[in-house]
Amino acid sequence: MPDTRALPRSPEQLLEELFAIFPQYRAGYPGPIHDDPPTFHSVLIGFSSLLPGMLMSSSEAQLRGFGELVSAAVQAGGPLANAFETCLLEHLHQIRAERALRPYLSKMARERTKA
C-alpha cells in the first residue's frame, strides 16, 4: 500500500496528528508524562494508555487514518517507526487493541505486532 503521507517530523507534530485523527484524545490528553522534552516514544506511551478506551468510540475513518499513519511510519523506518513498533505495535494484544486496529494496518505493520 504505497502511501505519500507526510509523516510527523517531531514529537509535537506527532501529537498534533494524533489530535487530528482522534479529537477526543485532545479533550482527554493528560499532558506530558515527564518534564523532559517530548520524544516520539513518550508521546506514544501516553497515547497507547488511552487508546483502548478511544477505540470504542472511533469511526472507521479514524481507524483507517490511524492505520495509515502507523503503516507509513513503519514503512519509512527511523525513529518514528521504532517508537510505533516498541510503544504500540508490540503491545497491541496486551492493551486489547489488536482486533480493532489490525484490519487497518499494512502487512509490514501487522508483522511488527506480538501475539
N, C-alpha and C. Protein backbone atom coordinates (compact mmCIF):
# COMPACT_ATOMS: atom_id res chain seq x y z
N MET A 1 0.85 -1.17 0.00
CA MET A 1 0.00 0.00 0.00
C MET A 1 0.90 1.23 0.00
N PRO A 2 1.24 1.75 -1.14
CA PRO A 2 2.08 2.92 -1.20
C PRO A 2 1.37 4.11 -0.57
N ASP A 3 2.10 4.89 0.19
CA ASP A 3 1.49 5.99 0.91
C ASP A 3 2.40 7.20 0.78
N THR A 4 1.83 8.31 0.36
CA THR A 4 2.62 9.52 0.22
C THR A 4 2.38 10.45 1.40
N ARG A 5 1.81 9.93 2.46
CA ARG A 5 1.52 10.70 3.67
C ARG A 5 2.79 11.38 4.17
N ALA A 6 2.68 12.65 4.51
CA ALA A 6 3.80 13.36 5.14
C ALA A 6 3.82 12.95 6.60
N LEU A 7 4.89 12.33 6.99
CA LEU A 7 5.00 11.86 8.37
C LEU A 7 5.42 12.98 9.31
N PRO A 8 4.97 12.91 10.55
CA PRO A 8 5.41 13.90 11.54
C PRO A 8 6.93 13.86 11.68
N ARG A 9 7.53 15.04 11.75
CA ARG A 9 8.99 15.13 11.86
C ARG A 9 9.44 15.42 13.29
N SER A 10 8.49 15.68 14.17
CA SER A 10 8.83 15.97 15.56
C SER A 10 7.76 15.35 16.46
N PRO A 11 8.08 15.15 17.73
CA PRO A 11 7.07 14.65 18.67
C PRO A 11 5.86 15.57 18.75
N GLU A 12 6.07 16.87 18.66
CA GLU A 12 4.95 17.82 18.71
C GLU A 12 4.04 17.64 17.49
N GLN A 13 4.64 17.41 16.32
CA GLN A 13 3.83 17.16 15.12
C GLN A 13 3.07 15.84 15.24
N LEU A 14 3.70 14.83 15.84
CA LEU A 14 3.02 13.55 16.04
C LEU A 14 1.81 13.75 16.95
N LEU A 15 1.98 14.49 18.02
CA LEU A 15 0.88 14.75 18.94
C LEU A 15 -0.26 15.47 18.22
N GLU A 16 0.06 16.46 17.41
CA GLU A 16 -0.98 17.18 16.66
C GLU A 16 -1.68 16.25 15.67
N GLU A 17 -0.93 15.35 15.05
CA GLU A 17 -1.52 14.37 14.12
C GLU A 17 -2.49 13.45 14.87
N LEU A 18 -2.11 13.02 16.06
CA LEU A 18 -3.00 12.17 16.87
C LEU A 18 -4.26 12.94 17.27
N PHE A 19 -4.10 14.22 17.62
CA PHE A 19 -5.26 15.06 17.95
C PHE A 19 -6.18 15.21 16.73
N ALA A 20 -5.59 15.33 15.54
CA ALA A 20 -6.38 15.50 14.32
C ALA A 20 -7.19 14.23 14.01
N ILE A 21 -6.56 13.07 14.21
CA ILE A 21 -7.25 11.81 13.94
C ILE A 21 -8.27 11.50 15.01
N PHE A 22 -7.90 11.73 16.26
CA PHE A 22 -8.77 11.42 17.40
C PHE A 22 -9.03 12.70 18.20
N PRO A 23 -9.98 13.54 17.77
CA PRO A 23 -10.26 14.78 18.52
C PRO A 23 -10.59 14.52 19.99
N GLN A 24 -11.17 13.37 20.29
CA GLN A 24 -11.50 13.05 21.68
C GLN A 24 -10.23 12.88 22.52
N TYR A 25 -9.10 12.61 21.89
CA TYR A 25 -7.84 12.48 22.63
C TYR A 25 -7.39 13.83 23.17
N ARG A 26 -7.60 14.89 22.38
CA ARG A 26 -7.21 16.23 22.84
C ARG A 26 -7.94 16.56 24.15
N ALA A 27 -9.23 16.23 24.21
CA ALA A 27 -10.03 16.52 25.40
C ALA A 27 -9.53 15.73 26.61
N GLY A 28 -9.06 14.50 26.39
CA GLY A 28 -8.61 13.66 27.50
C GLY A 28 -7.11 13.63 27.68
N TYR A 29 -6.38 14.46 26.91
CA TYR A 29 -4.93 14.43 26.95
C TYR A 29 -4.42 14.79 28.34
N PRO A 30 -3.67 13.87 28.96
CA PRO A 30 -3.21 14.11 30.32
C PRO A 30 -1.99 15.03 30.42
N GLY A 31 -1.43 15.41 29.29
CA GLY A 31 -0.20 16.21 29.30
C GLY A 31 1.01 15.31 29.22
N PRO A 32 2.19 15.91 29.18
CA PRO A 32 3.42 15.11 29.06
C PRO A 32 3.57 14.13 30.23
N ILE A 33 4.24 13.02 29.96
CA ILE A 33 4.41 12.02 31.01
C ILE A 33 5.62 12.32 31.89
N HIS A 34 6.41 13.30 31.52
CA HIS A 34 7.56 13.74 32.34
C HIS A 34 7.90 15.17 31.94
N ASP A 35 8.83 15.76 32.65
CA ASP A 35 9.19 17.16 32.41
C ASP A 35 10.19 17.35 31.27
N ASP A 36 10.79 16.27 30.80
CA ASP A 36 11.75 16.37 29.71
C ASP A 36 11.03 16.73 28.42
N PRO A 37 11.75 17.23 27.42
CA PRO A 37 11.11 17.49 26.13
C PRO A 37 10.49 16.20 25.59
N PRO A 38 9.35 16.31 24.90
CA PRO A 38 8.70 15.09 24.40
C PRO A 38 9.56 14.38 23.36
N THR A 39 9.40 13.09 23.30
CA THR A 39 10.02 12.26 22.27
C THR A 39 8.90 11.50 21.57
N PHE A 40 9.20 10.90 20.42
CA PHE A 40 8.19 10.06 19.78
C PHE A 40 7.73 8.98 20.75
N HIS A 41 8.67 8.41 21.49
CA HIS A 41 8.33 7.34 22.43
C HIS A 41 7.41 7.84 23.54
N SER A 42 7.73 8.99 24.14
CA SER A 42 6.89 9.46 25.24
C SER A 42 5.49 9.83 24.76
N VAL A 43 5.38 10.40 23.57
CA VAL A 43 4.05 10.73 23.02
C VAL A 43 3.24 9.46 22.84
N LEU A 44 3.86 8.42 22.28
CA LEU A 44 3.11 7.18 22.02
C LEU A 44 2.83 6.37 23.28
N ILE A 45 3.69 6.46 24.28
CA ILE A 45 3.40 5.77 25.55
C ILE A 45 2.14 6.37 26.17
N GLY A 46 2.08 7.70 26.22
CA GLY A 46 0.90 8.34 26.77
C GLY A 46 -0.35 8.05 25.96
N PHE A 47 -0.21 8.06 24.64
CA PHE A 47 -1.34 7.80 23.76
C PHE A 47 -1.84 6.36 23.89
N SER A 48 -0.92 5.40 23.92
CA SER A 48 -1.33 3.99 23.93
C SER A 48 -2.09 3.62 25.20
N SER A 49 -1.85 4.34 26.30
CA SER A 49 -2.57 4.02 27.52
C SER A 49 -4.05 4.39 27.42
N LEU A 50 -4.38 5.37 26.58
CA LEU A 50 -5.78 5.78 26.41
C LEU A 50 -6.42 5.20 25.16
N LEU A 51 -5.63 4.59 24.29
CA LEU A 51 -6.14 4.09 23.01
C LEU A 51 -7.29 3.10 23.17
N PRO A 52 -7.20 2.10 24.04
CA PRO A 52 -8.31 1.13 24.11
C PRO A 52 -9.68 1.78 24.37
N GLY A 53 -9.73 2.75 25.24
CA GLY A 53 -11.00 3.44 25.50
C GLY A 53 -11.49 4.23 24.30
N MET A 54 -10.56 4.84 23.58
CA MET A 54 -10.94 5.64 22.41
C MET A 54 -11.43 4.76 21.27
N LEU A 55 -10.91 3.55 21.16
CA LEU A 55 -11.29 2.69 20.05
C LEU A 55 -12.78 2.39 20.04
N MET A 56 -13.39 2.32 21.22
CA MET A 56 -14.81 2.00 21.29
C MET A 56 -15.67 3.08 20.65
N SER A 57 -15.19 4.32 20.65
CA SER A 57 -15.99 5.41 20.09
C SER A 57 -15.40 5.95 18.78
N SER A 58 -14.43 5.26 18.22
CA SER A 58 -13.79 5.74 17.00
C SER A 58 -14.54 5.27 15.76
N SER A 59 -14.57 6.14 14.76
CA SER A 59 -15.20 5.80 13.49
C SER A 59 -14.24 4.98 12.63
N GLU A 60 -14.78 4.40 11.59
CA GLU A 60 -13.93 3.65 10.66
C GLU A 60 -12.91 4.59 10.01
N ALA A 61 -13.31 5.82 9.73
CA ALA A 61 -12.38 6.78 9.13
C ALA A 61 -11.22 7.08 10.08
N GLN A 62 -11.50 7.18 11.38
CA GLN A 62 -10.43 7.41 12.35
C GLN A 62 -9.50 6.22 12.40
N LEU A 63 -10.05 5.02 12.44
CA LEU A 63 -9.22 3.81 12.49
C LEU A 63 -8.37 3.69 11.23
N ARG A 64 -8.98 3.98 10.10
CA ARG A 64 -8.24 3.92 8.83
C ARG A 64 -7.12 4.96 8.82
N GLY A 65 -7.42 6.17 9.25
CA GLY A 65 -6.39 7.22 9.27
C GLY A 65 -5.24 6.86 10.20
N PHE A 66 -5.56 6.32 11.35
CA PHE A 66 -4.50 5.92 12.28
C PHE A 66 -3.70 4.76 11.71
N GLY A 67 -4.38 3.79 11.12
CA GLY A 67 -3.69 2.67 10.50
C GLY A 67 -2.76 3.12 9.39
N GLU A 68 -3.18 4.11 8.62
CA GLU A 68 -2.33 4.64 7.55
C GLU A 68 -1.10 5.34 8.13
N LEU A 69 -1.30 6.08 9.22
CA LEU A 69 -0.16 6.75 9.86
C LEU A 69 0.85 5.73 10.37
N VAL A 70 0.37 4.73 11.09
CA VAL A 70 1.25 3.70 11.64
C VAL A 70 1.96 2.96 10.51
N SER A 71 1.21 2.56 9.52
CA SER A 71 1.78 1.79 8.40
C SER A 71 2.82 2.59 7.63
N ALA A 72 2.55 3.87 7.38
CA ALA A 72 3.51 4.72 6.67
C ALA A 72 4.77 4.91 7.49
N ALA A 73 4.61 5.08 8.80
CA ALA A 73 5.78 5.26 9.66
C ALA A 73 6.64 4.00 9.67
N VAL A 74 6.02 2.84 9.79
CA VAL A 74 6.76 1.58 9.81
C VAL A 74 7.49 1.39 8.48
N GLN A 75 6.81 1.69 7.39
CA GLN A 75 7.44 1.53 6.07
C GLN A 75 8.63 2.47 5.91
N ALA A 76 8.54 3.68 6.45
CA ALA A 76 9.62 4.66 6.30
C ALA A 76 10.83 4.34 7.16
N GLY A 77 10.62 3.62 8.27
CA GLY A 77 11.73 3.31 9.16
C GLY A 77 12.14 4.53 9.97
N GLY A 78 13.20 4.40 10.73
CA GLY A 78 13.71 5.52 11.51
C GLY A 78 13.10 5.61 12.91
N PRO A 79 13.34 6.73 13.58
CA PRO A 79 12.91 6.89 14.97
C PRO A 79 11.40 6.80 15.18
N LEU A 80 10.60 7.36 14.25
CA LEU A 80 9.16 7.29 14.40
C LEU A 80 8.68 5.84 14.28
N ALA A 81 9.22 5.11 13.32
CA ALA A 81 8.86 3.69 13.17
C ALA A 81 9.23 2.92 14.44
N ASN A 82 10.42 3.18 14.97
CA ASN A 82 10.85 2.49 16.18
C ASN A 82 9.89 2.77 17.33
N ALA A 83 9.45 4.01 17.46
CA ALA A 83 8.52 4.36 18.54
C ALA A 83 7.18 3.65 18.36
N PHE A 84 6.64 3.63 17.14
CA PHE A 84 5.38 2.92 16.92
C PHE A 84 5.53 1.43 17.20
N GLU A 85 6.66 0.85 16.78
CA GLU A 85 6.87 -0.58 16.99
C GLU A 85 7.00 -0.92 18.47
N THR A 86 7.82 -0.17 19.20
CA THR A 86 8.11 -0.54 20.60
C THR A 86 7.05 -0.04 21.58
N CYS A 87 6.38 1.04 21.28
CA CYS A 87 5.41 1.61 22.23
C CYS A 87 3.97 1.23 21.91
N LEU A 88 3.72 0.73 20.70
CA LEU A 88 2.34 0.42 20.34
C LEU A 88 2.20 -0.98 19.74
N LEU A 89 2.85 -1.22 18.61
CA LEU A 89 2.61 -2.48 17.90
C LEU A 89 2.96 -3.71 18.72
N GLU A 90 4.06 -3.65 19.47
CA GLU A 90 4.45 -4.81 20.28
C GLU A 90 3.48 -5.07 21.42
N HIS A 91 2.62 -4.09 21.72
CA HIS A 91 1.72 -4.21 22.87
C HIS A 91 0.25 -4.20 22.49
N LEU A 92 -0.06 -4.24 21.19
CA LEU A 92 -1.47 -4.18 20.77
C LEU A 92 -2.32 -5.25 21.44
N HIS A 93 -1.80 -6.45 21.52
CA HIS A 93 -2.57 -7.54 22.13
C HIS A 93 -2.77 -7.27 23.63
N GLN A 94 -1.72 -6.84 24.30
CA GLN A 94 -1.80 -6.58 25.74
C GLN A 94 -2.79 -5.48 26.08
N ILE A 95 -2.86 -4.45 25.26
CA ILE A 95 -3.78 -3.36 25.55
C ILE A 95 -5.16 -3.58 24.92
N ARG A 96 -5.35 -4.77 24.38
CA ARG A 96 -6.62 -5.18 23.79
C ARG A 96 -7.06 -4.25 22.65
N ALA A 97 -6.12 -3.90 21.80
CA ALA A 97 -6.42 -3.03 20.66
C ALA A 97 -6.16 -3.72 19.33
N GLU A 98 -5.61 -4.92 19.38
CA GLU A 98 -5.21 -5.59 18.13
C GLU A 98 -6.40 -5.87 17.22
N ARG A 99 -7.48 -6.38 17.77
CA ARG A 99 -8.64 -6.75 16.94
C ARG A 99 -9.19 -5.53 16.20
N ALA A 100 -9.24 -4.39 16.87
CA ALA A 100 -9.79 -3.18 16.25
C ALA A 100 -8.86 -2.58 15.20
N LEU A 101 -7.56 -2.62 15.44
CA LEU A 101 -6.62 -1.94 14.55
C LEU A 101 -6.04 -2.81 13.45
N ARG A 102 -5.90 -4.10 13.68
CA ARG A 102 -5.24 -4.99 12.73
C ARG A 102 -5.75 -4.85 11.29
N PRO A 103 -7.07 -4.75 11.08
CA PRO A 103 -7.55 -4.65 9.68
C PRO A 103 -7.08 -3.38 8.96
N TYR A 104 -6.64 -2.39 9.70
CA TYR A 104 -6.25 -1.12 9.10
C TYR A 104 -4.74 -0.97 8.96
N LEU A 105 -4.00 -1.97 9.37
CA LEU A 105 -2.53 -1.92 9.31
C LEU A 105 -2.02 -2.63 8.07
N SER A 106 -0.92 -2.15 7.53
CA SER A 106 -0.28 -2.81 6.40
C SER A 106 0.28 -4.15 6.85
N LYS A 107 0.60 -4.98 5.89
CA LYS A 107 1.20 -6.28 6.21
C LYS A 107 2.47 -6.09 7.03
N MET A 108 3.30 -5.14 6.64
CA MET A 108 4.56 -4.89 7.36
C MET A 108 4.28 -4.50 8.81
N ALA A 109 3.31 -3.62 9.03
CA ALA A 109 2.98 -3.20 10.40
C ALA A 109 2.40 -4.36 11.20
N ARG A 110 1.55 -5.17 10.58
CA ARG A 110 0.98 -6.34 11.27
C ARG A 110 2.08 -7.30 11.71
N GLU A 111 3.11 -7.42 10.88
CA GLU A 111 4.22 -8.32 11.22
C GLU A 111 5.02 -7.83 12.43
N ARG A 112 4.89 -6.55 12.77
CA ARG A 112 5.62 -5.99 13.92
C ARG A 112 4.87 -6.18 15.24
N THR A 113 3.63 -6.68 15.17
CA THR A 113 2.87 -6.91 16.40
C THR A 113 3.32 -8.22 17.03
N LYS A 114 3.16 -8.32 18.33
CA LYS A 114 3.49 -9.55 19.04
C LYS A 114 2.19 -10.18 19.53
N ALA A 115 2.10 -11.49 19.43
CA ALA A 115 0.88 -12.16 19.88
C ALA A 115 1.00 -12.53 21.34
